[in-house]
Protein backbone atom coordinates (compact mmCIF):
# COMPACT_ATOMS: atom_id res chain seq x y z
CA MET A 1 140.32 -92.14 -21.82
CA SER A 2 140.27 -92.64 -18.08
CA LEU A 3 137.31 -92.24 -15.83
CA LYS A 4 139.11 -89.36 -13.98
CA THR A 5 139.58 -87.39 -17.17
CA VAL A 6 135.87 -87.86 -18.04
CA ALA A 7 134.94 -86.57 -14.65
CA LEU A 8 137.14 -83.67 -15.09
CA LEU A 9 135.69 -82.81 -18.35
CA LEU A 10 132.13 -82.99 -16.92
CA ALA A 11 133.03 -80.80 -14.05
CA SER A 12 134.64 -78.26 -16.44
CA ALA A 13 131.51 -78.46 -18.71
CA SER A 14 129.26 -77.72 -15.67
CA VAL A 15 131.44 -74.83 -14.53
CA VAL A 16 131.31 -73.40 -18.04
CA SER A 17 127.55 -73.77 -18.29
CA LEU A 18 127.05 -72.07 -14.92
CA VAL A 19 129.25 -69.22 -16.02
CA LEU A 20 127.49 -68.95 -19.39
CA GLY A 21 124.02 -68.96 -17.69
CA TYR A 22 124.91 -66.38 -15.09
CA TYR A 23 126.22 -64.00 -17.85
CA LEU A 24 123.10 -64.62 -19.94
CA ARG A 25 120.84 -63.84 -17.08
CA LEU A 26 122.81 -60.74 -16.29
CA ILE A 27 122.56 -59.58 -19.80
CA ILE A 28 118.68 -60.20 -19.75
CA SER A 29 118.39 -58.31 -16.40
CA LEU A 30 120.15 -55.39 -17.84
CA GLY A 31 118.08 -55.20 -20.85
CA ARG A 32 114.89 -55.30 -18.71
CA LYS A 33 116.31 -52.54 -16.46
CA GLY A 34 117.12 -50.32 -19.33
CA SER A 35 113.66 -50.68 -20.75
CA MET A 36 111.90 -49.77 -17.38
CA GLU A 37 114.36 -46.78 -17.09
CA LEU A 38 113.22 -45.68 -20.61
CA ASP A 39 109.58 -46.18 -19.51
CA ILE A 40 110.14 -44.02 -16.48
CA LYS A 41 111.90 -41.37 -18.31
CA GLN A 42 109.10 -41.16 -20.93
CA MET A 43 106.60 -40.85 -18.23
CA MET A 44 108.54 -38.17 -16.55
CA ILE A 45 108.84 -36.18 -19.86
CA GLU A 46 104.92 -36.56 -20.36
CA ALA A 47 104.35 -35.36 -16.75
CA ARG A 48 106.59 -32.34 -17.31
CA ASP A 49 104.66 -31.61 -20.49
CA LYS A 50 101.29 -31.73 -18.77
CA GLU A 51 102.72 -29.68 -15.88
CA GLN A 52 103.87 -27.04 -18.34
CA LYS A 53 100.49 -27.11 -19.92
CA ILE A 54 98.66 -26.62 -16.72
CA ILE A 55 100.91 -23.85 -15.59
CA GLU A 56 100.37 -21.93 -18.94
CA GLU A 57 96.51 -22.50 -18.60
CA ALA A 58 96.59 -21.24 -14.96
CA ASP A 59 98.66 -18.22 -16.07
CA LYS A 60 96.28 -17.48 -18.84
CA LYS A 61 93.20 -17.70 -16.44
CA ALA A 62 95.05 -15.54 -13.93
CA GLU A 63 95.70 -12.99 -16.59
CA GLU A 64 92.15 -12.92 -17.57
CA LEU A 65 90.74 -12.68 -14.03
CA LEU A 66 93.24 -10.06 -13.34
CA LYS A 67 92.25 -8.15 -16.43
CA THR A 68 88.51 -8.42 -15.54
CA SER A 69 89.19 -7.37 -11.82
CA ARG A 70 90.99 -4.36 -13.27
CA LEU A 71 88.08 -3.49 -15.50
CA GLU A 72 85.53 -3.87 -12.52
CA ILE A 73 87.85 -1.84 -10.28
CA LYS A 74 88.10 0.83 -12.86
CA GLN A 75 84.33 0.98 -13.35
CA LYS A 76 83.62 1.23 -9.74
CA GLU A 77 86.23 3.94 -9.42
CA GLU A 78 84.42 5.85 -12.12
CA THR A 79 80.96 5.22 -10.55
CA ILE A 80 82.34 6.45 -7.15
CA LYS A 81 83.89 9.36 -8.81
CA LYS A 82 80.62 10.37 -10.46
CA ALA A 83 78.75 9.91 -7.28
CA GLU A 84 81.26 12.22 -5.55
CA GLU A 85 80.97 14.84 -8.24
CA ARG A 86 77.09 14.66 -7.74
CA LEU A 87 77.45 14.95 -3.94
CA ILE A 88 79.74 17.98 -4.27
CA LYS A 89 77.29 19.62 -6.65
CA LYS A 90 74.53 18.97 -4.18
CA ASP A 91 76.51 20.30 -1.37
CA GLU A 92 77.19 23.45 -3.49
CA LEU A 93 73.37 23.70 -4.24
CA LEU A 94 72.46 23.22 -0.67
CA ASP A 95 74.92 25.87 0.42
CA HIS A 96 73.40 28.24 -2.17
CA ARG A 97 69.82 27.45 -1.01
CA GLN A 98 70.83 27.94 2.69
CA THR A 99 72.21 31.28 1.79
CA ASP A 100 69.00 32.28 0.01
CA ILE A 101 66.90 30.92 2.88
CA GLU A 102 68.90 32.90 5.30
CA LYS A 103 68.55 36.14 3.19
CA GLU A 104 64.64 35.44 2.98
CA VAL A 105 64.52 34.84 6.62
CA GLU A 106 66.25 38.17 7.18
CA GLU A 107 63.83 39.93 4.91
CA ILE A 108 60.80 38.25 6.51
CA LYS A 109 62.00 39.37 10.00
CA LYS A 110 62.28 42.83 8.67
CA LYS A 111 58.78 42.70 7.20
CA ILE A 112 57.40 41.32 10.43
CA ILE A 113 58.89 44.20 12.30
CA GLU A 114 57.39 46.73 9.74
CA ILE A 115 53.99 44.95 9.92
CA LYS A 116 54.05 45.05 13.67
CA THR A 117 54.77 48.84 13.60
CA ILE A 118 52.06 49.36 11.10
CA ARG A 119 49.64 47.39 13.19
CA GLU A 120 50.53 49.21 16.27
CA ASN A 121 50.10 52.57 14.50
CA ALA A 122 46.75 51.27 13.21
CA GLU A 123 45.56 50.16 16.57
CA LYS A 124 46.57 53.39 18.02
CA ILE A 125 44.71 55.47 15.34
CA GLU A 126 41.65 53.10 15.65
CA LYS A 127 41.68 53.56 19.53
CA GLU A 128 41.95 57.38 19.03
CA LYS A 129 39.00 57.33 16.69
CA THR A 130 37.01 55.07 18.97
CA ASP A 131 37.70 57.35 21.95
CA GLU A 132 36.58 60.33 19.84
CA LEU A 133 33.52 58.56 18.69
CA GLN A 134 32.70 57.50 22.35
CA LYS A 135 33.08 61.20 23.44
CA ILE A 136 30.85 62.31 20.62
CA ALA A 137 28.07 59.46 21.00
CA LYS A 138 28.51 59.20 24.77
CA LEU A 139 28.15 55.37 24.31
CA SER A 140 30.50 52.41 25.17
CA PRO A 141 31.35 49.96 22.32
CA GLU A 142 29.22 47.31 23.86
CA GLN A 143 26.16 49.73 24.08
CA ALA A 144 26.65 50.79 20.45
CA LYS A 145 26.83 47.26 19.23
CA GLU A 146 23.64 46.32 21.17
CA GLN A 147 21.83 49.30 19.63
CA ILE A 148 22.93 48.45 16.14
CA MET A 149 21.94 44.76 16.58
CA LYS A 150 18.50 45.83 17.96
CA SER A 151 17.98 48.21 15.00
CA VAL A 152 19.02 45.55 12.36
CA GLU A 153 16.89 42.92 14.09
CA LYS A 154 13.84 45.10 14.28
CA GLU A 155 14.24 46.15 10.58
CA SER A 156 14.71 42.56 9.36
CA GLU A 157 12.58 40.67 11.70
CA GLU A 158 9.86 40.00 9.20
CA ASP A 159 12.32 38.88 6.52
CA ILE A 160 14.08 36.52 8.98
CA LEU A 161 10.75 34.96 9.89
CA VAL A 162 9.82 34.57 6.30
CA GLN A 163 13.22 32.92 5.44
CA MET A 164 12.99 30.73 8.46
CA LYS A 165 9.47 29.57 7.41
CA LYS A 166 10.69 28.89 3.92
CA LEU A 167 13.69 26.80 5.15
CA GLU A 168 11.47 24.87 7.64
CA MET A 169 8.83 24.15 4.82
CA HIS A 170 11.54 23.36 2.21
CA GLY A 171 13.30 21.04 4.78
CA GLN A 172 10.11 19.20 5.60
CA GLU A 173 9.20 18.70 2.01
CA LYS A 174 12.54 17.27 1.30
CA LEU A 175 12.39 14.92 4.28
CA GLU A 176 8.82 13.85 3.43
CA GLU A 177 9.99 13.28 -0.22
CA LYS A 178 12.85 11.26 0.83
CA ALA A 179 10.85 9.04 3.30
CA LYS A 180 8.12 8.47 0.62
CA GLY A 181 10.93 7.54 -1.83
CA ILE A 182 12.44 5.07 0.67
CA LEU A 183 9.03 3.47 1.46
CA ALA A 184 8.04 3.33 -2.15
CA THR A 185 11.18 1.55 -3.17
CA SER A 186 10.94 -0.83 -0.37
CA ILE A 187 7.30 -1.78 -1.37
CA GLN A 188 8.16 -2.02 -4.94
CA ARG A 189 11.19 -4.32 -4.24
CA LEU A 190 8.97 -6.77 -2.27
CA ALA A 191 5.61 -7.08 -3.84
CA ASN A 192 4.67 -10.53 -2.75
CA SER A 193 1.33 -11.92 -3.54
CA VAL A 194 -0.95 -12.90 -0.45
CA SER A 195 -2.99 -15.98 -0.37
CA SER A 196 -6.23 -16.24 1.42
CA ASP A 197 -6.38 -18.48 4.52
CA MET A 198 -9.02 -21.17 4.23
CA LEU A 199 -10.77 -22.54 7.26
CA THR A 200 -11.49 -26.01 5.80
CA THR A 201 -9.38 -28.85 4.43
CA HIS A 202 -10.57 -31.41 1.93
CA VAL A 203 -9.26 -35.08 2.14
CA THR A 204 -9.72 -37.12 -1.08
CA ILE A 205 -10.98 -40.64 -0.81
CA ALA A 206 -11.02 -43.51 -3.29
CA ASN A 207 -14.59 -44.52 -2.87
CA ASP A 208 -17.59 -43.63 -0.61
CA GLU A 209 -17.28 -46.97 1.24
CA ILE A 210 -14.57 -45.38 3.16
CA LYS A 211 -17.01 -42.83 4.59
CA GLY A 212 -18.91 -45.56 6.45
CA LYS A 213 -15.49 -46.75 7.96
CA ILE A 214 -14.66 -43.27 9.10
CA ILE A 215 -18.01 -42.85 10.75
CA GLY A 216 -17.97 -46.13 12.43
CA LYS A 217 -20.56 -48.19 14.33
CA GLU A 218 -22.93 -45.67 15.85
CA GLY A 219 -20.46 -42.95 14.98
CA ARG A 220 -17.80 -44.23 17.30
CA ASN A 221 -14.85 -43.70 15.00
CA ILE A 222 -15.72 -40.16 13.92
CA LYS A 223 -16.36 -39.13 17.54
CA ALA A 224 -13.05 -40.56 18.59
CA PHE A 225 -11.21 -38.85 15.68
CA GLU A 226 -12.85 -35.37 16.48
CA ARG A 227 -12.04 -35.77 20.26
CA CYS A 228 -8.34 -36.44 19.61
CA THR A 229 -7.85 -33.83 16.94
CA GLY A 230 -10.30 -31.05 17.99
CA VAL A 231 -11.62 -30.54 14.58
CA GLU A 232 -14.94 -31.20 13.06
CA VAL A 233 -15.18 -33.85 10.21
CA ILE A 234 -17.97 -33.22 7.71
CA VAL A 235 -19.16 -36.41 5.86
CA ASP A 236 -21.78 -35.34 3.37
CA ASP A 237 -22.91 -36.32 -0.10
CA THR A 238 -19.96 -34.83 -1.84
CA PRO A 239 -18.40 -37.73 -3.84
CA GLY A 240 -14.69 -38.63 -3.24
CA SER A 241 -14.21 -36.07 -0.49
CA ILE A 242 -14.34 -35.62 3.17
CA THR A 243 -14.15 -31.96 4.77
CA ILE A 244 -12.21 -31.27 7.90
CA SER A 245 -13.25 -27.86 9.51
CA SER A 246 -11.36 -25.95 12.29
CA PHE A 247 -10.35 -22.37 12.70
CA ASP A 248 -6.96 -23.76 14.00
CA PRO A 249 -4.73 -24.61 10.95
CA VAL A 250 -2.35 -26.90 13.03
CA ARG A 251 -5.25 -28.93 14.16
CA ARG A 252 -6.50 -29.20 10.62
CA GLN A 253 -3.14 -30.25 9.28
CA ILE A 254 -2.75 -32.83 12.00
CA ALA A 255 -6.16 -34.14 11.25
CA LYS A 256 -5.62 -34.23 7.63
CA THR A 257 -2.30 -36.13 8.00
CA ALA A 258 -3.79 -38.64 10.53
CA LEU A 259 -6.88 -39.21 8.34
CA GLU A 260 -4.93 -39.95 5.12
CA LYS A 261 -2.67 -42.37 7.14
CA LEU A 262 -5.80 -44.16 8.54
CA ILE A 263 -7.35 -44.38 5.07
CA ALA A 264 -4.06 -45.85 3.72
CA ASP A 265 -3.79 -48.36 6.62
CA GLY A 266 -7.45 -49.41 6.31
CA ARG A 267 -7.86 -50.14 9.99
CA ILE A 268 -9.96 -47.30 11.27
CA GLN A 269 -10.81 -47.80 14.96
CA PRO A 270 -10.23 -45.69 18.20
CA ALA A 271 -7.01 -47.19 19.29
CA LYS A 272 -5.60 -46.82 15.75
CA ILE A 273 -6.92 -43.32 15.49
CA GLU A 274 -5.01 -42.16 18.59
CA GLU A 275 -1.88 -43.82 17.36
CA MET A 276 -1.97 -42.10 13.85
CA VAL A 277 -2.93 -38.86 15.59
CA LYS A 278 0.33 -39.00 17.61
CA VAL A 279 2.29 -39.86 14.50
CA ALA A 280 0.79 -36.84 12.65
CA GLU A 281 1.59 -34.52 15.54
CA GLN A 282 5.29 -35.61 15.42
CA GLU A 283 5.33 -34.96 11.65
CA ILE A 284 3.79 -31.39 12.10
CA ALA A 285 6.45 -30.72 14.75
CA LYS A 286 9.10 -31.61 12.36
CA THR A 287 7.49 -29.38 9.70
CA ILE A 288 7.37 -26.43 12.22
CA LYS A 289 11.07 -26.78 12.87
CA GLU A 290 11.82 -26.91 9.24
CA LYS A 291 9.69 -23.74 8.50
CA GLY A 292 11.58 -21.82 11.18
CA GLU A 293 15.04 -22.73 9.80
CA GLU A 294 13.73 -21.77 6.22
CA ALA A 295 12.64 -18.48 7.47
CA ILE A 296 16.06 -17.79 9.11
CA TYR A 297 17.98 -18.89 5.78
CA GLU A 298 15.64 -16.81 3.61
CA THR A 299 16.05 -13.63 5.55
CA GLY A 300 19.73 -14.15 6.59
CA VAL A 301 19.06 -13.54 10.23
CA LEU A 302 21.69 -15.36 12.15
CA GLY A 303 22.64 -15.86 15.96
CA LEU A 304 19.06 -16.68 17.10
CA ASP A 305 18.53 -19.46 19.74
CA PRO A 306 17.43 -22.80 18.01
CA ARG A 307 14.45 -22.79 20.40
CA ILE A 308 13.51 -19.26 19.13
CA VAL A 309 13.70 -20.73 15.63
CA SER A 310 11.48 -23.68 16.49
CA ILE A 311 8.85 -21.26 18.07
CA LEU A 312 9.02 -19.09 15.00
CA GLY A 313 8.15 -22.12 12.78
CA ARG A 314 4.78 -22.38 14.55
CA LEU A 315 3.80 -19.10 12.96
CA HIS A 316 3.49 -20.96 9.59
CA PHE A 317 0.21 -22.16 10.92
CA ARG A 318 -0.98 -19.02 12.33
CA THR A 319 -2.80 -16.21 10.50
CA SER A 320 -3.50 -12.52 11.33
CA TYR A 321 -6.30 -10.90 9.56
CA GLY A 322 -6.16 -13.54 7.02
CA GLN A 323 -2.45 -13.13 6.43
CA ASN A 324 -0.02 -15.81 7.07
CA VAL A 325 2.06 -14.66 10.18
CA LEU A 326 5.38 -16.19 9.13
CA ALA A 327 5.23 -15.10 5.62
CA HIS A 328 4.21 -11.61 6.94
CA SER A 329 7.25 -11.74 9.25
CA ILE A 330 9.57 -12.75 6.58
CA GLU A 331 8.20 -10.01 4.21
CA MET A 332 8.71 -7.53 7.13
CA ALA A 333 12.29 -8.55 7.64
CA HIS A 334 13.03 -7.80 3.99
CA ILE A 335 11.35 -4.40 4.08
CA ALA A 336 12.93 -3.51 7.28
CA GLY A 337 16.40 -4.46 5.97
CA MET A 338 15.89 -2.28 2.84
CA ILE A 339 14.81 0.71 4.86
CA ALA A 340 17.68 0.29 7.31
CA GLU A 341 20.03 0.11 4.51
CA GLU A 342 18.58 3.18 2.92
CA ILE A 343 18.78 5.41 5.99
CA GLY A 344 22.06 4.04 7.44
CA ALA A 345 20.61 2.09 10.43
CA ASN A 346 21.71 -1.36 11.73
CA VAL A 347 20.40 -3.71 8.97
CA ALA A 348 20.93 -6.91 11.05
CA VAL A 349 19.02 -5.57 14.17
CA ALA A 350 16.14 -4.22 11.99
CA LYS A 351 15.78 -7.47 10.01
CA ALA A 352 15.95 -9.69 13.28
CA GLY A 353 13.44 -7.41 15.19
CA ALA A 354 10.98 -7.65 12.22
CA LEU A 355 11.30 -11.36 11.99
CA VAL A 356 10.52 -12.01 15.55
CA HIS A 357 8.01 -9.07 16.10
CA ASP A 358 4.99 -11.52 16.22
CA ILE A 359 6.65 -14.46 17.88
CA GLY A 360 4.34 -14.09 20.94
CA LYS A 361 1.36 -15.15 18.64
CA ALA A 362 2.88 -18.62 18.34
CA LEU A 363 2.12 -19.12 22.30
CA ASP A 364 -0.77 -16.33 22.92
CA HIS A 365 -3.43 -19.03 23.47
CA GLU A 366 -1.16 -20.87 25.97
CA VAL A 367 0.35 -17.86 27.97
CA VAL A 368 -1.36 -14.79 29.52
CA GLY A 369 -0.64 -11.55 28.08
CA THR A 370 -0.42 -9.67 24.71
CA HIS A 371 1.58 -11.13 22.00
CA VAL A 372 4.06 -8.26 22.30
CA GLU A 373 4.60 -9.05 26.10
CA ILE A 374 4.79 -12.73 25.41
CA GLY A 375 7.29 -12.17 22.64
CA ARG A 376 9.50 -9.98 24.93
CA ARG A 377 9.40 -12.78 27.60
CA ILE A 378 10.39 -15.41 25.00
CA LEU A 379 13.42 -13.36 23.74
CA GLN A 380 14.61 -12.41 27.08
CA LYS A 381 14.39 -16.08 28.20
CA PHE A 382 16.69 -17.15 25.57
CA ASP A 383 19.15 -14.29 26.01
CA THR A 384 18.37 -12.44 22.78
CA ASP A 385 20.25 -9.19 22.06
CA GLU A 386 18.67 -6.36 23.91
CA ALA A 387 18.81 -4.12 20.76
CA ILE A 388 16.56 -6.82 18.93
CA ILE A 389 14.07 -6.79 21.81
CA LYS A 390 13.89 -3.04 21.72
CA ALA A 391 13.34 -3.04 17.95
CA MET A 392 10.50 -5.50 18.15
CA GLN A 393 8.59 -4.40 21.26
CA ALA A 394 7.30 -0.95 19.93
CA HIS A 395 5.44 -2.18 16.76
CA HIS A 396 2.16 -1.61 18.35
CA GLU A 397 3.35 1.33 20.41
CA GLU A 398 2.96 -0.62 23.79
CA TYR A 399 6.50 0.48 24.49
CA PRO A 400 8.29 3.75 23.51
CA TYR A 401 10.48 3.88 20.45
CA GLU A 402 14.03 3.63 21.94
CA THR A 403 16.00 3.05 18.81
CA VAL A 404 15.81 3.94 15.07
CA GLU A 405 15.35 0.23 14.34
CA SER A 406 12.20 0.12 16.43
CA MET A 407 10.70 2.78 14.20
CA ILE A 408 11.74 0.92 11.14
CA VAL A 409 10.00 -2.37 12.41
CA GLN A 410 6.75 -0.47 13.14
CA ALA A 411 6.93 1.09 9.51
CA ALA A 412 7.67 -2.28 7.94
CA ASP A 413 4.67 -3.70 9.75
CA ALA A 414 2.42 -1.12 8.66
CA ILE A 415 3.76 -1.48 5.06
CA SER A 416 3.34 -5.41 5.01
CA GLY A 417 -0.18 -5.27 6.64
CA GLY A 418 -1.54 -2.26 4.82
CA ARG A 419 -0.93 -3.29 1.33
CA PRO A 420 -4.09 -3.97 -0.64
CA GLY A 421 -5.36 -7.50 -0.14
CA ALA A 422 -2.86 -8.19 2.63
CA ARG A 423 -5.32 -8.86 5.38
CA ARG A 424 -9.03 -9.47 5.85
CA ASP A 425 -10.36 -8.05 9.05
CA SER A 426 -13.44 -10.31 9.12
CA VAL A 427 -11.37 -13.50 9.16
CA GLU A 428 -9.21 -12.13 12.13
CA ASN A 429 -12.29 -11.12 14.20
CA TYR A 430 -13.92 -14.61 13.32
CA LEU A 431 -10.70 -16.48 14.64
CA LYS A 432 -10.57 -14.31 17.71
CA ARG A 433 -14.18 -15.12 18.49
CA LEU A 434 -13.49 -18.86 18.31
CA LYS A 435 -10.38 -18.65 20.47
CA ASP A 436 -12.40 -16.61 23.12
CA LEU A 437 -15.01 -19.41 23.10
CA GLU A 438 -12.52 -21.97 23.81
CA ALA A 439 -10.69 -19.85 26.43
CA VAL A 440 -14.03 -19.41 28.30
CA ALA A 441 -14.62 -23.15 28.60
CA LEU A 442 -10.88 -23.87 29.52
CA SER A 443 -11.19 -21.40 32.45
CA PHE A 444 -13.48 -23.87 34.33
CA LYS A 445 -11.92 -26.40 36.73
CA GLY A 446 -12.02 -30.14 35.46
CA VAL A 447 -11.98 -29.20 31.78
CA GLU A 448 -9.54 -31.22 29.69
CA LYS A 449 -10.05 -29.95 26.23
CA SER A 450 -12.46 -27.59 24.43
CA TYR A 451 -13.07 -27.07 20.78
CA ALA A 452 -15.11 -24.53 18.86
CA LEU A 453 -16.92 -26.05 15.93
CA GLN A 454 -19.52 -25.31 13.33
CA ALA A 455 -18.16 -21.87 12.57
CA GLY A 456 -18.44 -20.96 16.32
CA ARG A 457 -22.04 -22.10 16.74
CA GLU A 458 -20.99 -25.02 18.82
CA ILE A 459 -18.34 -25.59 21.49
CA ARG A 460 -17.45 -29.10 22.76
CA VAL A 461 -16.08 -29.41 26.25
CA PHE A 462 -14.38 -32.58 27.42
CA VAL A 463 -14.01 -32.84 31.23
CA THR A 464 -11.97 -35.20 33.33
CA PRO A 465 -14.31 -37.83 34.68
CA THR A 466 -12.53 -38.23 38.07
CA GLU A 467 -12.90 -34.48 38.66
CA VAL A 468 -16.22 -33.70 37.43
CA THR A 469 -19.50 -35.73 38.11
CA ASP A 470 -22.56 -36.05 35.73
CA LEU A 471 -24.43 -33.51 37.87
CA GLU A 472 -21.46 -31.16 37.77
CA ALA A 473 -21.12 -31.46 34.00
CA LYS A 474 -24.70 -30.47 33.44
CA LYS A 475 -24.22 -27.48 35.81
CA MET A 476 -20.98 -26.55 33.91
CA ALA A 477 -22.71 -26.52 30.58
CA ARG A 478 -25.18 -23.94 32.08
CA ASP A 479 -22.39 -21.90 33.58
CA ILE A 480 -20.42 -21.80 30.43
CA ALA A 481 -23.49 -20.62 28.48
CA ILE A 482 -24.08 -17.80 30.89
CA ARG A 483 -20.46 -16.67 30.77
CA ILE A 484 -20.52 -16.65 26.97
CA GLU A 485 -23.68 -14.64 26.96
CA SER A 486 -22.25 -12.11 29.46
CA GLU A 487 -18.68 -11.73 28.16
CA LEU A 488 -18.69 -12.34 24.25
CA LYS A 489 -20.52 -10.75 21.36
CA TYR A 490 -21.76 -13.32 18.71
CA PRO A 491 -24.70 -13.58 16.09
CA GLY A 492 -27.23 -16.29 16.63
CA GLU A 493 -26.95 -18.80 19.30
CA ILE A 494 -24.15 -21.20 20.46
CA LYS A 495 -24.58 -24.81 21.50
CA VAL A 496 -22.47 -25.80 24.53
CA SER A 497 -21.93 -29.55 24.76
CA VAL A 498 -20.10 -30.87 27.83
CA ILE A 499 -18.84 -34.55 27.42
CA ARG A 500 -17.88 -36.69 30.27
CA GLU A 501 -16.42 -40.02 29.22
CA SER A 502 -14.93 -42.77 31.44
CA ARG A 503 -12.52 -45.34 30.04
CA THR A 504 -11.22 -48.42 31.66
CA ILE A 505 -8.05 -50.12 30.08
CA GLU A 506 -6.67 -53.53 31.09
CA PHE A 507 -3.93 -55.54 29.43
CA ALA A 508 -4.18 -59.37 28.98
CA ARG A 509 -0.66 -61.08 29.05
C-alpha cells in the first residue's frame, strides 16, 4: 500500500471521527435541553398550583370578610332602626306633654284672672269696711294701730320685762357655764407640776484640799472668782461641797460651770479664773439659744425672728414669783391655743402672743421701762406681726384689749399663774429687792459692776479706778447707803462695799 493511500485513509478517518463527534455532542445537547425544559415545565405547573391555592384562599377570606361586614352592617342597621323608633316615641311623648303643658298654662291663666278678680273684689270690700270703720271710730288706720299697740304694750309691759329678765339671766348663765367649761378643760388638759426655784447651787468636790485652792493665798482666788461672776462662794465645813449663792440664776450657772472646769483643770489662779468664766459664758449662751428653739418646737409657734427666739431662751434662767418664766410662757401658749380653738379664735396668734408675753423680762434689768413696754419694743424692732403684739401687750391691762386673742392671753396668764403652788410671792419680792439694790449702785457714775450678796444684806460695788479716786469711792459708799435708806424698804441693815482695784498688765516677749 502506498503512502498516498495511507494518507487518504487517515484523512477519511479524521473526517469520520469529526462527524461522529459532532453528532454525539448534538445528541447530548438535545438531551440536556429536553431535561431543562421538563424542569421548567414542572416549575410552571407547581407555580400554577400555588397560584390557584392562593386565589382560592383569598376568595375564601374575602367571602368571610364580606359575610362579617354584612352581619355588622345588619346589626348597625337594626341598632339605628331601634334608636329611630325610640326617638319617634320620645317625639310623640314630648308632643303630648307640650299639649298638656299648653292646656295647663291656659288653665293657670284663667285661674290667675279669677284670683285677680276675687282679690280686687276683696280689696274693694275691705276698703269699704275700713271706710265704714273710720267713719264710725273717727280714727285713721295709723291712729288706730298706734292706740292698739299702746294698749297691748301697757297690758303686757310687766310680762315682757319678766320675760326679758329671764332671757338675760338664762343667757348669762349659759355663757358663764360655757366659759367655765372651756377654762376647766384647758386647765385639766395641761396640769404641769411646778418646781420651786432655788437661790443656791452646790458644787461637789473630790476632797477638802480643793477648798484651799479655791480660796487661794489671802483669799485671792475666791475674790477674783466672785468679782468675775458676781456670785458669793460659801466655803464652809460641809464635806465634799461648795455653795454658790446668787439671786440671778444665770450668774449661778456660769459660776458653777466655771468652777467645775477650774476644779477639773487643777490650775486655780486669777488669770485662769477669767479664762474659764469666759468659756462658761459662751456655753450658757449656747444653752440659752437651745432653750429658745426647744420652746418654739414644743409650742409649734413658727415664723418668729431668730433673734427673738434667742432672747426667749434667756427666760429659762428667769423666775417670776418662784415660777420659771420660760416654762410659764410655754404652759400659757398651750392653754391659749386650747381656749382659742374652743371659741373659734386665731390659734396661731393666741399661742404666739402667750409665748412672747413676758419676753421683756429677759432684758428688764438692762432696759428702762416695764417688761410689757420692753417686750413691745423688742417685737416691733424685729418686725413681728402686729396681731401678735396686740395679743401680748394687754396681759397686765397696760394697753386696751383690741382683739379676742389679747383677752385669751390675759386669761391664760391668770390660769397659769393662779394655779395652786404655781408661784411664791415672797421669792419674787425678794428677787425684786436684790435687783433694786444693784440698780441703785449702778446709777452712780464710774460704777463698773454691782452684786447683791448675803441674801441682800451686802452689796459689793466695783468702780473704774481711772474714773473714781479712793476718796470718791469712800464718799460713794456713803451716798449709796443714803440712797438705799431713802428709796428702798428692807429688814435689818445692808453693808455697802465699794471696791477700787488697779491692775497693770505687761507682756514679756
